[in-house]
Protein backbone atom coordinates (compact mmCIF):
# COMPACT_ATOMS: atom_id res chain seq x y z
CA UNK A 1 141.79 45.66 164.33
CA UNK A 2 140.56 49.24 163.91
CA UNK A 3 143.98 50.60 164.79
CA UNK A 4 145.58 48.66 161.95
CA UNK A 5 142.91 49.82 159.56
CA UNK A 6 143.38 53.48 160.50
CA UNK A 7 147.15 53.23 160.48
CA UNK A 8 147.04 51.63 157.05
CA UNK A 9 144.84 54.47 155.74
CA UNK A 10 147.14 57.00 157.40
CA UNK A 11 150.24 55.45 155.80
CA UNK A 12 148.55 55.44 152.37
CA UNK A 13 147.53 59.07 152.89
CA UNK A 14 151.08 60.08 153.83
CA UNK A 15 152.44 58.18 150.84
CA UNK A 16 150.15 60.06 148.45
CA UNK A 17 151.05 63.38 150.02
CA UNK A 18 154.73 62.55 149.74
CA UNK A 19 154.41 61.48 146.10
CA UNK A 20 152.26 64.45 145.05
CA UNK A 21 154.46 66.95 146.85
CA UNK A 22 157.15 66.34 144.22
CA UNK A 23 154.74 66.67 141.29
CA UNK A 24 154.15 70.32 140.63
CA UNK A 25 151.64 71.47 138.05
CA UNK A 26 152.93 73.64 135.26
CA UNK A 27 151.07 76.93 134.97
CA UNK A 28 153.41 78.40 132.36
CA UNK A 29 151.47 77.32 129.28
CA UNK A 30 147.94 78.20 128.26
CA UNK A 31 145.49 75.52 127.16
CA UNK A 32 145.02 75.18 123.42
CA UNK A 33 141.52 76.66 123.51
CA UNK A 34 142.71 79.80 125.29
CA UNK A 35 145.60 80.29 122.89
CA UNK A 36 143.21 79.85 119.94
CA UNK A 37 140.84 82.42 121.43
CA UNK A 38 143.69 84.86 121.97
CA UNK A 39 144.92 84.48 118.40
CA UNK A 40 141.36 84.80 117.10
CA UNK A 41 140.88 88.06 119.03
CA UNK A 42 144.16 89.40 117.66
CA UNK A 43 143.27 88.46 114.08
CA UNK A 44 139.78 89.95 114.35
CA UNK A 45 141.13 93.15 115.86
CA UNK A 46 143.86 93.56 113.25
CA UNK A 47 141.47 92.76 110.41
CA UNK A 48 138.82 95.23 111.60
CA UNK A 49 141.27 98.09 112.00
CA UNK A 50 142.97 97.42 108.66
CA UNK A 51 139.68 97.36 106.78
CA UNK A 52 137.74 100.00 108.74
CA UNK A 53 140.19 102.88 108.45
CA UNK A 54 140.22 103.11 104.64
CA UNK A 55 136.51 102.32 104.45
CA UNK A 56 135.67 105.17 106.83
CA UNK A 57 137.93 107.52 104.90
CA UNK A 58 136.27 106.60 101.60
CA UNK A 59 132.78 106.99 103.09
CA UNK A 60 133.57 110.39 104.60
CA UNK A 61 135.19 111.51 101.36
CA UNK A 62 132.17 110.38 99.39
CA UNK A 63 129.87 112.26 101.76
CA UNK A 64 131.95 115.43 101.48
CA UNK A 65 131.99 115.25 97.68
CA UNK A 66 128.26 114.50 97.60
CA UNK A 67 127.62 117.54 99.79
CA UNK A 68 129.97 119.69 97.72
CA UNK A 69 128.36 118.75 94.39
CA UNK A 70 124.74 118.73 95.55
CA UNK A 71 124.15 122.17 94.00
CA UNK A 72 121.62 123.11 96.65
CA UNK A 73 119.53 119.93 96.51
CA UNK A 74 118.36 119.43 100.12
CA UNK A 75 117.86 115.68 99.79
CA UNK A 76 121.45 115.14 98.60
CA UNK A 77 122.76 117.34 101.41
CA UNK A 78 120.77 115.33 103.99
CA UNK A 79 122.02 112.07 102.46
CA UNK A 80 125.60 113.34 102.54
CA UNK A 81 125.28 114.39 106.19
CA UNK A 82 123.82 110.99 107.12
CA UNK A 83 126.64 109.26 105.25
CA UNK A 84 129.32 111.30 107.03
CA UNK A 85 127.68 110.91 110.44
CA UNK A 86 127.07 107.18 109.96
CA UNK A 87 130.63 106.49 108.86
CA UNK A 88 132.06 108.44 111.83
CA UNK A 89 129.81 106.55 114.26
CA UNK A 90 130.67 103.22 112.63
CA UNK A 91 134.39 103.91 112.83
CA UNK A 92 134.03 104.98 116.48
CA UNK A 93 132.14 101.74 117.17
CA UNK A 94 134.92 99.70 115.58
CA UNK A 95 137.55 101.52 117.65
CA UNK A 96 135.48 100.90 120.79
CA UNK A 97 135.24 97.22 119.85
CA UNK A 98 139.02 97.18 119.48
CA UNK A 99 139.33 98.59 123.00
CA UNK A 100 136.94 95.98 124.36
CA UNK A 101 138.86 93.18 122.65
CA UNK A 102 142.10 94.54 124.11
CA UNK A 103 140.52 94.56 127.58
CA UNK A 104 139.28 90.98 127.18
CA UNK A 105 142.70 89.95 125.89
CA UNK A 106 144.38 91.43 128.94
CA UNK A 107 142.03 89.53 131.25
CA UNK A 108 142.60 86.16 129.60
């Protein structure tokens, strides 16, 4: 009786292995969530670079003009230097964020 039970289980097991050996999973496509995340990273990256470059240029230009036309006022010169320094650091941060997003994108 036990032999028939084990042989029946063995036959079922071999049948499943035989059936599933012909079914191969498809790894060519990404899940929808991953493709949405990838497209979101691309859109965020493109948007940040497109907006940040002119904004940094305008901020640096404003700081330079403020420094140029301060006429010796120390507070305006300090404000202009802070504006220039802050815009350069902000633009560098955005470029670093772009690099991080590119690294994450390459890992996904």
